[in-house]
Amino acid sequence: MIFDLLLLAQDGVPPAGDGAWFFWTVMAIVVVTGFILLIAAISFAAFGKIWFQAYMSDADVSMLALVGMWFRQVNMRIVVQAKIMAAQAGLDINRRTGISTARVEAHYLAGGNVMNVIHAIIAAHRAGIPLDFDQAAAIDLAGRDVLDAVRTSVHPKVIDCPDPRRSGNDTLAAVAKDGIELRVKARVTVRTNLARLIGGATEDTVIARVGEGIITSIGSSATHKDVLANPNRISKAVLDRGLDNQTAFEIVSIDIAHVVVGQNIGARLQADAAEADTRVARALAEQRRSEAVAHEQEMKAKVAENRAALVEAEAQVPLAMATAFQKGNLSTAN
C-alpha cells in the first residue's frame, strides 16, 4: 500500500481518503527520522573521535553532553581528558555522587583549573587522603593551589623562621632575663591541613606566630645559658602553644637551626642609664651653679645700691651743716 501511494505521488496524483493520512504520516516519520539521522551523522563526524576515546576509556561521556559543551563553548577535550584520568585512576565518576561530566563542566565554566583539581584528587586518593571533587573545586576557586596543598600534605615542607625573603633578616633577636641577647634561627616543618585550607591563615601567619613564641620563650628564660644548654625547650614551649590554630597548616616540628650570642643588652642599658644619670646630675649642678652666680650678682647689685645711698647721705651732711650755720643753730666752741 505504501508503494502504491508513493507511485501515485510520483505520477502527480495526490492520495485521498485514509490513504492520504497514512501517506503524510509516513512522510513525516521519514523526514523526522532523516533529520535525526542527519544530526547524528554530523555530531558523529564532529565529535565521534573524542566520544569514541571517552567510550573506550569508560569515561561515561555521552554524545549529547559533547554537543552541549560545543554550544556552551566549553573545551570538551579538557573535560573528556579529566574524566578519562579520573576513570583510569579508579575514582568515582558516578553521575549522581561522583565526578560527573556536569560537575567537571560546571567547574570549568566557573573559571577553575580542571586538570589541577583532577591531579590533586588522584594524588590524594593514592595517598589515602580524603578529598572529594566538591572540596577540591572549592579550594581551587578560592585561589589556593589544591595540587600543591595535597603535595604538601604528603611531603611536608620546611620554612625558615624568619624568612629572609620576607623580612630581610636571617635571625630572630631575643633577650634573656640576664640581659644577654640571643640570635636564633628556626626551621618549621609544616603540612597542609586540607580541612582548614579555605579561610585558614597562610605561611606568613605561621612564621609570625613561631617567631613570637621563640622570643617569648627566650625572654622568660632566667639566663641565656639555659637556652644554650637546651635549645629544645624553646621548641617544646612553642609547640605547646598550638600556634597552628586557624591556619591552613599543621606544624609537624620546630627545630632550632642555630643560636648565636649577641650583645650584652643589660650591661649596655645599665651603662646608658648611668650615662643618663650623670647627665642629669651635671644638669642639676649646672643649674645650682647658675643660681649661685645669679645670687652673687644680685648681692653685688645690692652692695652698689647701698653705696649709692651712702654717698647720697654723705652729700647731705655739708648741706645740712651750711643750713645750720645760716640759721645759727651751730656756734664755734671756745
C-alpha atoms as a PDB file:
ATOM      1  CA  MET A   1       0.000   0.000   0.000  1.00  0.00           C
ATOM      2  CA  ILE A   2       2.835   2.346   0.828  1.00  0.00           C
ATOM      3  CA  PHE A   3       4.450   1.664  -2.526  1.00  0.00           C
ATOM      4  CA  ASP A   4       1.157   2.383  -4.294  1.00  0.00           C
ATOM      5  CA  LEU A   5       0.869   5.735  -2.523  1.00  0.00           C
ATOM      6  CA  LEU A   6       4.450   6.564  -3.442  1.00  0.00           C
ATOM      7  CA  LEU A   7       3.750   5.683  -7.117  1.00  0.00           C
ATOM      8  CA  LEU A   8       0.702   7.902  -7.099  1.00  0.00           C
ATOM      9  CA  ALA A   9       2.743  10.700  -5.575  1.00  0.00           C
ATOM     10  CA  GLN A  10       5.372  10.278  -8.307  1.00  0.00           C
ATOM     11  CA  ASP A  11       2.677  10.429 -11.027  1.00  0.00           C
ATOM     12  CA  GLY A  12       1.433  13.706  -9.590  1.00  0.00           C
ATOM     13  CA  VAL A  13      -1.799  12.220  -8.261  1.00  0.00           C
ATOM     14  CA  PRO A  14      -2.246  13.153  -4.598  1.00  0.00           C
ATOM     15  CA  PRO A  15      -3.559  10.336  -2.444  1.00  0.00           C
ATOM     16  CA  ALA A  16      -7.037  10.749  -0.995  1.00  0.00           C
ATOM     17  CA  GLY A  17      -9.041   9.380   1.928  1.00  0.00           C
ATOM     18  CA  ASP A  18      -7.432   7.260   4.592  1.00  0.00           C
ATOM     19  CA  GLY A  19      -4.517   6.662   2.277  1.00  0.00           C
ATOM     20  CA  ALA A  20      -3.664  10.393   2.316  1.00  0.00           C
ATOM     21  CA  TRP A  21      -3.500  10.467   6.114  1.00  0.00           C
ATOM     22  CA  PHE A  22      -1.377   7.358   6.186  1.00  0.00           C
ATOM     23  CA  PHE A  23       0.899   8.730   3.466  1.00  0.00           C
ATOM     24  CA  TRP A  24       1.586  12.037   5.130  1.00  0.00           C
ATOM     25  CA  THR A  25       2.152  10.331   8.461  1.00  0.00           C
ATOM     26  CA  VAL A  26       4.753   8.071   6.906  1.00  0.00           C
ATOM     27  CA  MET A  27       6.358  11.010   5.166  1.00  0.00           C
ATOM     28  CA  ALA A  28       6.558  12.966   8.419  1.00  0.00           C
ATOM     29  CA  ILE A  29       8.158   9.999  10.159  1.00  0.00           C
ATOM     30  CA  VAL A  30      10.622   9.624   7.306  1.00  0.00           C
ATOM     31  CA  VAL A  31      11.519  13.334   7.409  1.00  0.00           C
ATOM     32  CA  VAL A  32      11.960  13.386  11.197  1.00  0.00           C
ATOM     33  CA  THR A  33      13.975  10.194  11.128  1.00  0.00           C
ATOM     34  CA  GLY A  34      16.132  11.547   8.346  1.00  0.00           C
ATOM     35  CA  PHE A  35      16.672  14.807  10.257  1.00  0.00           C
ATOM     36  CA  ILE A  36      17.646  12.911  13.393  1.00  0.00           C
ATOM     37  CA  LEU A  37      19.985  10.688  11.397  1.00  0.00           C
ATOM     38  CA  LEU A  38      21.485  13.762   9.749  1.00  0.00           C
ATOM     39  CA  ILE A  39      22.140  15.412  13.139  1.00  0.00           C
ATOM     40  CA  ALA A  40      23.583  12.160  14.455  1.00  0.00           C
ATOM     41  CA  ALA A  41      25.851  11.880  11.428  1.00  0.00           C
ATOM     42  CA  ILE A  42      27.052  15.466  11.792  1.00  0.00           C
ATOM     43  CA  SER A  43      27.599  15.025  15.529  1.00  0.00           C
ATOM     44  CA  PHE A  44      29.497  11.805  14.992  1.00  0.00           C
ATOM     45  CA  ALA A  45      31.615  13.411  12.299  1.00  0.00           C
ATOM     46  CA  ALA A  46      32.445  16.355  14.556  1.00  0.00           C
ATOM     47  CA  PHE A  47      32.716  14.641  17.928  1.00  0.00           C
ATOM     48  CA  GLY A  48      32.997  10.968  17.049  1.00  0.00           C
ATOM     49  CA  LYS A  49      36.713  10.701  17.691  1.00  0.00           C
ATOM     50  CA  ILE A  50      36.665  12.262  21.140  1.00  0.00           C
ATOM     51  CA  TRP A  51      33.451  10.396  22.064  1.00  0.00           C
ATOM     52  CA  PHE A  52      34.979   7.094  20.988  1.00  0.00           C
ATOM     53  CA  GLN A  53      38.080   7.858  23.060  1.00  0.00           C
ATOM     54  CA  ALA A  54      35.908   8.503  26.122  1.00  0.00           C
ATOM     55  CA  TYR A  55      33.814   5.397  25.414  1.00  0.00           C
ATOM     56  CA  MET A  56      36.825   3.124  25.155  1.00  0.00           C
ATOM     57  CA  SER A  57      38.189   4.579  28.417  1.00  0.00           C
ATOM     58  CA  ASP A  58      34.896   4.081  30.308  1.00  0.00           C
ATOM     59  CA  ALA A  59      34.785   7.826  30.983  1.00  0.00           C
ATOM     60  CA  ASP A  60      30.970   7.997  30.761  1.00  0.00           C
ATOM     61  CA  VAL A  61      30.721  10.994  28.405  1.00  0.00           C
ATOM     62  CA  SER A  62      27.665  10.958  26.136  1.00  0.00           C
ATOM     63  CA  MET A  63      27.439  12.391  22.651  1.00  0.00           C
ATOM     64  CA  LEU A  64      24.662  14.696  23.824  1.00  0.00           C
ATOM     65  CA  ALA A  65      26.977  16.076  26.527  1.00  0.00           C
ATOM     66  CA  LEU A  66      29.634  16.798  23.886  1.00  0.00           C
ATOM     67  CA  VAL A  67      27.109  18.646  21.727  1.00  0.00           C
ATOM     68  CA  GLY A  68      26.027  20.687  24.759  1.00  0.00           C
ATOM     69  CA  MET A  69      29.662  21.561  25.522  1.00  0.00           C
ATOM     70  CA  TRP A  70      30.068  22.779  21.958  1.00  0.00           C
ATOM     71  CA  PHE A  71      27.074  25.079  22.296  1.00  0.00           C
ATOM     72  CA  ARG A  72      28.278  26.320  25.713  1.00  0.00           C
ATOM     73  CA  GLN A  73      31.805  26.898  24.324  1.00  0.00           C
ATOM     74  CA  VAL A  74      33.410  24.516  26.806  1.00  0.00           C
ATOM     75  CA  ASN A  75      36.760  22.957  25.948  1.00  0.00           C
ATOM     76  CA  MET A  76      35.468  19.417  25.633  1.00  0.00           C
ATOM     77  CA  ARG A  77      38.957  17.937  25.310  1.00  0.00           C
ATOM     78  CA  ILE A  78      39.849  19.135  28.805  1.00  0.00           C
ATOM     79  CA  VAL A  79      36.612  17.769  30.257  1.00  0.00           C
ATOM     80  CA  VAL A  80      36.987  14.414  28.493  1.00  0.00           C
ATOM     81  CA  GLN A  81      40.646  14.134  29.457  1.00  0.00           C
ATOM     82  CA  ALA A  82      39.744  14.874  33.079  1.00  0.00           C
ATOM     83  CA  LYS A  83      37.026  12.201  33.042  1.00  0.00           C
ATOM     84  CA  ILE A  84      39.389   9.672  31.437  1.00  0.00           C
ATOM     85  CA  MET A  85      42.068  10.345  34.047  1.00  0.00           C
ATOM     86  CA  ALA A  86      39.522  10.010  36.861  1.00  0.00           C
ATOM     87  CA  ALA A  87      38.135   6.767  35.445  1.00  0.00           C
ATOM     88  CA  GLN A  88      41.544   5.219  34.880  1.00  0.00           C
ATOM     89  CA  ALA A  89      42.658   6.229  38.383  1.00  0.00           C
ATOM     90  CA  GLY A  90      39.750   4.345  39.883  1.00  0.00           C
ATOM     91  CA  LEU A  91      37.854   7.391  41.115  1.00  0.00           C
ATOM     92  CA  ASP A  92      34.082   7.501  41.412  1.00  0.00           C
ATOM     93  CA  ILE A  93      32.661   9.009  38.212  1.00  0.00           C
ATOM     94  CA  ASN A  94      29.047   8.218  39.014  1.00  0.00           C
ATOM     95  CA  ARG A  95      26.695  10.782  37.503  1.00  0.00           C
ATOM     96  CA  ARG A  96      24.910  11.395  40.810  1.00  0.00           C
ATOM     97  CA  THR A  97      27.545  11.076  43.516  1.00  0.00           C
ATOM     98  CA  GLY A  98      30.907  11.062  41.746  1.00  0.00           C
ATOM     99  CA  ILE A  99      32.931  13.171  39.345  1.00  0.00           C
ATOM    100  CA  SER A 100      30.228  13.562  36.742  1.00  0.00           C
ATOM    101  CA  THR A 101      30.600  15.323  33.420  1.00  0.00           C
ATOM    102  CA  ALA A 102      28.207  18.044  34.583  1.00  0.00           C
ATOM    103  CA  ARG A 103      30.339  18.791  37.672  1.00  0.00           C
ATOM    104  CA  VAL A 104      33.551  18.958  35.683  1.00  0.00           C
ATOM    105  CA  GLU A 105      31.918  21.194  33.105  1.00  0.00           C
ATOM    106  CA  ALA A 106      30.457  23.459  35.813  1.00  0.00           C
ATOM    107  CA  HIS A 107      33.892  23.863  37.396  1.00  0.00           C
ATOM    108  CA  TYR A 108      35.355  24.761  34.003  1.00  0.00           C
ATOM    109  CA  LEU A 109      32.647  27.365  33.411  1.00  0.00           C
ATOM    110  CA  ALA A 110      33.294  28.811  36.890  1.00  0.00           C
ATOM    111  CA  GLY A 111      36.879  29.527  35.848  1.00  0.00           C
ATOM    112  CA  GLY A 112      38.535  26.715  37.765  1.00  0.00           C
ATOM    113  CA  ASN A 113      41.604  24.712  36.820  1.00  0.00           C
ATOM    114  CA  VAL A 114      40.018  21.366  35.999  1.00  0.00           C
ATOM    115  CA  MET A 115      43.216  19.429  35.382  1.00  0.00           C
ATOM    116  CA  ASN A 116      44.829  20.735  38.571  1.00  0.00           C
ATOM    117  CA  VAL A 117      41.800  19.596  40.568  1.00  0.00           C
ATOM    118  CA  ILE A 118      41.806  16.120  38.980  1.00  0.00           C
ATOM    119  CA  HIS A 119      45.539  15.726  39.574  1.00  0.00           C
ATOM    120  CA  ALA A 120      45.070  16.746  43.202  1.00  0.00           C
ATOM    121  CA  ILE A 121      42.215  14.287  43.746  1.00  0.00           C
ATOM    122  CA  ILE A 122      44.212  11.446  42.168  1.00  0.00           C
ATOM    123  CA  ALA A 123      47.262  12.266  44.332  1.00  0.00           C
ATOM    124  CA  ALA A 124      45.102  12.407  47.457  1.00  0.00           C
ATOM    125  CA  HIS A 125      43.417   9.136  46.508  1.00  0.00           C
ATOM    126  CA  ARG A 126      46.775   7.419  46.093  1.00  0.00           C
ATOM    127  CA  ALA A 127      47.996   8.794  49.434  1.00  0.00           C
ATOM    128  CA  GLY A 128      44.832   7.817  51.288  1.00  0.00           C
ATOM    129  CA  ILE A 129      43.827  11.424  51.991  1.00  0.00           C
ATOM    130  CA  PRO A 130      40.065  12.055  51.914  1.00  0.00           C
ATOM    131  CA  LEU A 131      39.382  14.672  49.244  1.00  0.00           C
ATOM    132  CA  ASP A 132      36.258  14.774  47.094  1.00  0.00           C
ATOM    133  CA  PHE A 133      35.641  16.767  43.942  1.00  0.00           C
ATOM    134  CA  ASP A 134      33.465  19.435  45.573  1.00  0.00           C
ATOM    135  CA  GLN A 135      36.067  20.171  48.260  1.00  0.00           C
ATOM    136  CA  ALA A 136      38.910  20.271  45.750  1.00  0.00           C
ATOM    137  CA  ALA A 137      36.908  22.522  43.417  1.00  0.00           C
ATOM    138  CA  ALA A 138      36.084  24.892  46.288  1.00  0.00           C
ATOM    139  CA  ILE A 139      39.771  25.114  47.246  1.00  0.00           C
ATOM    140  CA  ASP A 140      40.697  25.791  43.628  1.00  0.00           C
ATOM    141  CA  LEU A 141      38.065  28.505  43.204  1.00  0.00           C
ATOM    142  CA  ALA A 142      39.214  30.097  46.464  1.00  0.00           C
ATOM    143  CA  GLY A 143      42.539  30.854  44.789  1.00  0.00           C
ATOM    144  CA  ARG A 144      44.612  28.172  46.517  1.00  0.00           C
ATOM    145  CA  ASP A 145      46.789  25.688  44.643  1.00  0.00           C
ATOM    146  CA  VAL A 146      44.999  22.474  45.588  1.00  0.00           C
ATOM    147  CA  LEU A 147      47.634  20.260  43.941  1.00  0.00           C
ATOM    148  CA  ASP A 148      50.438  21.936  45.894  1.00  0.00           C
ATOM    149  CA  ALA A 149      48.339  21.589  49.050  1.00  0.00           C
ATOM    150  CA  VAL A 150      47.980  17.837  48.526  1.00  0.00           C
ATOM    151  CA  ARG A 151      51.688  17.504  47.804  1.00  0.00           C
ATOM    152  CA  THR A 152      52.493  19.396  50.999  1.00  0.00           C
ATOM    153  CA  SER A 153      50.189  17.052  52.891  1.00  0.00           C
ATOM    154  CA  VAL A 154      52.072  14.063  51.507  1.00  0.00           C
ATOM    155  CA  HIS A 155      55.541  15.620  51.674  1.00  0.00           C
ATOM    156  CA  PRO A 156      55.730  18.240  54.464  1.00  0.00           C
ATOM    157  CA  LYS A 157      57.822  21.269  53.603  1.00  0.00           C
ATOM    158  CA  VAL A 158      60.280  23.246  55.684  1.00  0.00           C
ATOM    159  CA  ILE A 159      60.004  27.015  56.055  1.00  0.00           C
ATOM    160  CA  ASP A 160      62.595  29.272  57.663  1.00  0.00           C
ATOM    161  CA  CYS A 161      61.769  31.439  60.640  1.00  0.00           C
ATOM    162  CA  PRO A 162      62.468  34.210  59.967  1.00  0.00           C
ATOM    163  CA  ASP A 163      62.282  34.027  56.182  1.00  0.00           C
ATOM    164  CA  PRO A 164      64.973  36.305  54.686  1.00  0.00           C
ATOM    165  CA  ARG A 165      62.873  36.737  51.548  1.00  0.00           C
ATOM    166  CA  ARG A 166      60.018  38.242  53.535  1.00  0.00           C
ATOM    167  CA  SER A 167      61.676  40.136  56.393  1.00  0.00           C
ATOM    168  CA  GLY A 168      65.250  40.609  55.193  1.00  0.00           C
ATOM    169  CA  ASN A 169      66.600  39.226  58.490  1.00  0.00           C
ATOM    170  CA  ASP A 170      68.426  35.938  58.925  1.00  0.00           C
ATOM    171  CA  THR A 171      67.848  35.550  62.677  1.00  0.00           C
ATOM    172  CA  LEU A 172      65.442  36.461  65.440  1.00  0.00           C
ATOM    173  CA  ALA A 173      66.820  38.629  68.257  1.00  0.00           C
ATOM    174  CA  ALA A 174      65.604  37.973  71.811  1.00  0.00           C
ATOM    175  CA  VAL A 175      66.953  38.937  75.252  1.00  0.00           C
ATOM    176  CA  ALA A 176      67.002  36.630  78.280  1.00  0.00           C
ATOM    177  CA  LYS A 177      66.393  37.887  81.802  1.00  0.00           C
ATOM    178  CA  ASP A 178      70.125  38.276  82.444  1.00  0.00           C
ATOM    179  CA  GLY A 179      70.301  40.856  79.655  1.00  0.00           C
ATOM    180  CA  ILE A 180      72.214  38.744  77.107  1.00  0.00           C
ATOM    181  CA  GLU A 181      70.938  38.884  73.553  1.00  0.00           C
ATOM    182  CA  LEU A 182      70.493  35.632  71.591  1.00  0.00           C
ATOM    183  CA  ARG A 183      70.068  35.422  67.840  1.00  0.00           C
ATOM    184  CA  VAL A 184      68.074  32.356  66.822  1.00  0.00           C
ATOM    185  CA  LYS A 185      67.133  30.777  63.515  1.00  0.00           C
ATOM    186  CA  ALA A 186      64.493  28.051  63.399  1.00  0.00           C
ATOM    187  CA  ARG A 187      63.177  25.678  60.746  1.00  0.00           C
ATOM    188  CA  VAL A 188      59.478  24.868  60.886  1.00  0.00           C
ATOM    189  CA  THR A 189      58.170  21.700  59.219  1.00  0.00           C
ATOM    190  CA  VAL A 190      54.526  22.023  58.187  1.00  0.00           C
ATOM    191  CA  ARG A 191      51.994  20.082  56.178  1.00  0.00           C
ATOM    192  CA  THR A 192      48.746  21.295  54.698  1.00  0.00           C
ATOM    193  CA  ASN A 193      45.518  20.867  56.629  1.00  0.00           C
ATOM    194  CA  LEU A 194      43.002  20.441  53.794  1.00  0.00           C
ATOM    195  CA  ALA A 195      40.038  20.836  56.136  1.00  0.00           C
ATOM    196  CA  ARG A 196      41.194  24.364  57.096  1.00  0.00           C
ATOM    197  CA  LEU A 197      42.684  25.362  53.753  1.00  0.00           C
ATOM    198  CA  ILE A 198      39.738  27.599  52.860  1.00  0.00           C
ATOM    199  CA  GLY A 199      39.826  30.579  55.193  1.00  0.00           C
ATOM    200  CA  GLY A 200      42.939  29.407  57.018  1.00  0.00           C
ATOM    201  CA  ALA A 201      45.912  31.700  57.592  1.00  0.00           C
ATOM    202  CA  THR A 202      48.938  31.426  55.308  1.00  0.00           C
ATOM    203  CA  GLU A 203      52.640  30.768  55.874  1.00  0.00           C
ATOM    204  CA  ASP A 204      53.245  34.367  56.941  1.00  0.00           C
ATOM    205  CA  THR A 205      50.998  33.883  59.961  1.00  0.00           C
ATOM    206  CA  VAL A 206      52.748  30.650  60.925  1.00  0.00           C
ATOM    207  CA  ILE A 207      56.166  32.333  60.682  1.00  0.00           C
ATOM    208  CA  ALA A 208      54.978  35.315  62.727  1.00  0.00           C
ATOM    209  CA  ARG A 209      53.473  33.120  65.451  1.00  0.00           C
ATOM    210  CA  VAL A 210      56.540  30.886  65.686  1.00  0.00           C
ATOM    211  CA  GLY A 211      58.800  33.942  65.872  1.00  0.00           C
ATOM    212  CA  GLU A 212      56.682  35.424  68.642  1.00  0.00           C
ATOM    213  CA  GLY A 213      56.767  32.126  70.543  1.00  0.00           C
ATOM    214  CA  ILE A 214      60.562  31.884  70.278  1.00  0.00           C
ATOM    215  CA  ILE A 215      61.069  35.455  71.508  1.00  0.00           C
ATOM    216  CA  THR A 216      58.651  34.881  74.404  1.00  0.00           C
ATOM    217  CA  SER A 217      60.345  31.616  75.381  1.00  0.00           C
ATOM    218  CA  ILE A 218      63.813  33.179  75.394  1.00  0.00           C
ATOM    219  CA  GLY A 219      62.584  36.240  77.243  1.00  0.00           C
ATOM    220  CA  SER A 220      61.153  34.075  80.018  1.00  0.00           C
ATOM    221  CA  SER A 221      64.451  32.195  80.495  1.00  0.00           C
ATOM    222  CA  ALA A 222      66.407  33.097  83.624  1.00  0.00           C
ATOM    223  CA  THR A 223      69.759  33.179  81.830  1.00  0.00           C
ATOM    224  CA  HIS A 224      70.948  32.792  78.272  1.00  0.00           C
ATOM    225  CA  LYS A 225      72.959  29.774  79.396  1.00  0.00           C
ATOM    226  CA  ASP A 226      69.740  27.834  79.954  1.00  0.00           C
ATOM    227  CA  VAL A 227      68.785  28.364  76.325  1.00  0.00           C
ATOM    228  CA  LEU A 228      72.249  27.449  75.040  1.00  0.00           C
ATOM    229  CA  ALA A 229      72.302  24.302  77.178  1.00  0.00           C
ATOM    230  CA  ASN A 230      68.899  23.073  75.975  1.00  0.00           C
ATOM    231  CA  PRO A 231      67.523  24.704  72.809  1.00  0.00           C
ATOM    232  CA  ASN A 232      64.809  22.034  72.623  1.00  0.00           C
ATOM    233  CA  ARG A 233      63.000  23.731  75.467  1.00  0.00           C
ATOM    234  CA  ILE A 234      62.189  26.548  73.048  1.00  0.00           C
ATOM    235  CA  SER A 235      60.717  24.126  70.503  1.00  0.00           C
ATOM    236  CA  LYS A 236      58.645  22.358  73.134  1.00  0.00           C
ATOM    237  CA  ALA A 237      57.332  25.607  74.595  1.00  0.00           C
ATOM    238  CA  VAL A 238      56.352  26.900  71.167  1.00  0.00           C
ATOM    239  CA  LEU A 239      54.662  23.654  70.098  1.00  0.00           C
ATOM    240  CA  ASP A 240      52.648  23.533  73.328  1.00  0.00           C
ATOM    241  CA  ARG A 241      51.069  26.872  72.470  1.00  0.00           C
ATOM    242  CA  GLY A 242      49.172  25.458  69.473  1.00  0.00           C
ATOM    243  CA  LEU A 243      50.350  28.086  67.035  1.00  0.00           C
ATOM    244  CA  ASP A 244      48.754  26.329  64.040  1.00  0.00           C
ATOM    245  CA  ASN A 245      45.190  27.072  65.154  1.00  0.00           C
ATOM    246  CA  GLN A 246      43.055  28.720  62.466  1.00  0.00           C
ATOM    247  CA  THR A 247      45.823  28.271  59.902  1.00  0.00           C
ATOM    248  CA  ALA A 248      45.940  26.215  56.718  1.00  0.00           C
ATOM    249  CA  PHE A 249      48.868  24.197  58.047  1.00  0.00           C
ATOM    250  CA  GLU A 250      49.688  21.730  60.766  1.00  0.00           C
ATOM    251  CA  ILE A 251      53.052  22.215  62.458  1.00  0.00           C
ATOM    252  CA  VAL A 252      54.943  18.932  62.494  1.00  0.00           C
ATOM    253  CA  SER A 253      58.084  20.120  64.269  1.00  0.00           C
ATOM    254  CA  ILE A 254      60.101  23.216  65.135  1.00  0.00           C
ATOM    255  CA  ASP A 255      63.862  22.779  65.030  1.00  0.00           C
ATOM    256  CA  ILE A 256      66.343  25.370  66.255  1.00  0.00           C
ATOM    257  CA  ALA A 257      68.936  25.583  63.492  1.00  0.00           C
ATOM    258  CA  HIS A 258      71.495  27.611  65.447  1.00  0.00           C
ATOM    259  CA  VAL A 259      71.797  30.031  68.366  1.00  0.00           C
ATOM    260  CA  VAL A 260      74.325  32.879  68.427  1.00  0.00           C
ATOM    261  CA  VAL A 261      75.138  35.012  71.476  1.00  0.00           C
ATOM    262  CA  GLY A 262      74.742  38.682  70.670  1.00  0.00           C
ATOM    263  CA  GLN A 263      75.329  41.817  72.682  1.00  0.00           C
ATOM    264  CA  ASN A 264      75.036  42.289  76.427  1.00  0.00           C
ATOM    265  CA  ILE A 265      71.920  44.352  76.240  1.00  0.00           C
ATOM    266  CA  GLY A 266      71.556  44.516  80.016  1.00  0.00           C
ATOM    267  CA  ALA A 267      75.038  45.963  80.528  1.00  0.00           C
ATOM    268  CA  ARG A 268      74.518  48.404  77.701  1.00  0.00           C
ATOM    269  CA  LEU A 269      71.220  49.507  79.177  1.00  0.00           C
ATOM    270  CA  GLN A 270      72.860  49.962  82.594  1.00  0.00           C
ATOM    271  CA  ALA A 271      75.659  51.973  81.029  1.00  0.00           C
ATOM    272  CA  ASP A 272      73.121  54.081  79.179  1.00  0.00           C
ATOM    273  CA  ALA A 273      71.192  54.564  82.425  1.00  0.00           C
ATOM    274  CA  ALA A 274      74.375  55.576  84.269  1.00  0.00           C
ATOM    275  CA  GLU A 275      75.254  57.999  81.498  1.00  0.00           C
ATOM    276  CA  ALA A 276      71.759  59.429  81.671  1.00  0.00           C
ATOM    277  CA  ASP A 277      72.053  59.809  85.477  1.00  0.00           C
ATOM    278  CA  THR A 278      75.414  61.540  85.007  1.00  0.00           C
ATOM    279  CA  ARG A 279      73.878  63.947  82.534  1.00  0.00           C
ATOM    280  CA  VAL A 280      71.037  64.655  84.942  1.00  0.00           C
ATOM    281  CA  ALA A 281      73.496  65.266  87.788  1.00  0.00           C
ATOM    282  CA  ARG A 282      75.549  67.582  85.587  1.00  0.00           C
ATOM    283  CA  ALA A 283      72.436  69.444  84.608  1.00  0.00           C
ATOM    284  CA  LEU A 284      71.418  69.847  88.243  1.00  0.00           C
ATOM    285  CA  ALA A 285      74.944  71.011  89.188  1.00  0.00           C
ATOM    286  CA  GLU A 286      74.927  73.483  86.335  1.00  0.00           C
ATOM    287  CA  GLN A 287      71.546  74.703  87.498  1.00  0.00           C
ATOM    288  CA  ARG A 288      72.816  75.211  91.071  1.00  0.00           C
ATOM    289  CA  ARG A 289      75.946  76.996  89.779  1.00  0.00           C
ATOM    290  CA  SER A 290      73.838  79.276  87.647  1.00  0.00           C
ATOM    291  CA  GLU A 291      71.596  80.013  90.601  1.00  0.00           C
ATOM    292  CA  ALA A 292      74.691  80.827  92.766  1.00  0.00           C
ATOM    293  CA  VAL A 293      76.089  83.127  90.093  1.00  0.00           C
ATOM    294  CA  ALA A 294      72.752  84.863  89.795  1.00  0.00           C
ATOM    295  CA  HIS A 295      72.542  85.253  93.589  1.00  0.00           C
ATOM    296  CA  GLU A 296      76.098  86.684  93.671  1.00  0.00           C
ATOM    297  CA  GLN A 297      75.229  89.215  91.012  1.00  0.00           C
ATOM    298  CA  GLU A 298      72.132  90.110  92.949  1.00  0.00           C
ATOM    299  CA  MET A 299      74.195  90.706  96.095  1.00  0.00           C
ATOM    300  CA  LYS A 300      76.679  92.851  94.157  1.00  0.00           C
ATOM    301  CA  ALA A 301      73.790  94.900  92.855  1.00  0.00           C
ATOM    302  CA  LYS A 302      72.508  95.397  96.399  1.00  0.00           C
ATOM    303  CA  VAL A 303      76.032  96.495  97.602  1.00  0.00           C
ATOM    304  CA  ALA A 304      76.237  99.006  94.788  1.00  0.00           C
ATOM    305  CA  GLU A 305      72.777 100.236  95.691  1.00  0.00           C
ATOM    306  CA  ASN A 306      73.773 100.667  99.348  1.00  0.00           C
ATOM    307  CA  ARG A 307      76.981 102.509  98.401  1.00  0.00           C
ATOM    308  CA  ALA A 308      74.949 104.900  96.282  1.00  0.00           C
ATOM    309  CA  ALA A 309      72.675 105.517  99.227  1.00  0.00           C
ATOM    310  CA  LEU A 310      75.712 106.138 101.465  1.00  0.00           C
ATOM    311  CA  VAL A 311      77.220 108.601  99.003  1.00  0.00           C
ATOM    312  CA  GLU A 312      73.911 110.383  98.796  1.00  0.00           C
ATOM    313  CA  ALA A 313      73.721 110.569 102.576  1.00  0.00           C
ATOM    314  CA  GLU A 314      77.290 111.854 102.834  1.00  0.00           C
ATOM    315  CA  ALA A 315      76.451 114.533 100.258  1.00  0.00           C
ATOM    316  CA  GLN A 316      73.633 115.727 102.505  1.00  0.00           C
ATOM    317  CA  VAL A 317      75.975 116.375 105.511  1.00  0.00           C
ATOM    318  CA  PRO A 318      77.691 119.586 104.203  1.00  0.00           C
ATOM    319  CA  LEU A 319      74.366 120.901 103.052  1.00  0.00           C
ATOM    320  CA  ALA A 320      72.861 120.322 106.451  1.00  0.00           C
ATOM    321  CA  MET A 321      75.845 121.994 108.179  1.00  0.00           C
ATOM    322  CA  ALA A 322      75.576 125.031 105.915  1.00  0.00           C
ATOM    323  CA  THR A 323      71.920 125.373 106.645  1.00  0.00           C
ATOM    324  CA  ALA A 324      72.583 125.107 110.335  1.00  0.00           C
ATOM    325  CA  PHE A 325      75.222 127.868 110.201  1.00  0.00           C
ATOM    326  CA  GLN A 326      72.832 130.110 108.367  1.00  0.00           C
ATOM    327  CA  LYS A 327      70.150 129.626 110.923  1.00  0.00           C
ATOM    328  CA  GLY A 328      72.557 129.998 113.837  1.00  0.00           C
ATOM    329  CA  ASN A 329      71.953 126.599 115.087  1.00  0.00           C
ATOM    330  CA  LEU A 330      75.674 125.944 115.281  1.00  0.00           C
ATOM    331  CA  SER A 331      78.216 128.012 117.242  1.00  0.00           C
ATOM    332  CA  THR A 332      82.007 127.991 117.461  1.00  0.00           C
ATOM    333  CA  ALA A 333      83.229 126.361 120.583  1.00  0.00           C
ATOM    334  CA  ASN A 334      85.728 128.190 122.803  1.00  0.00           C
END
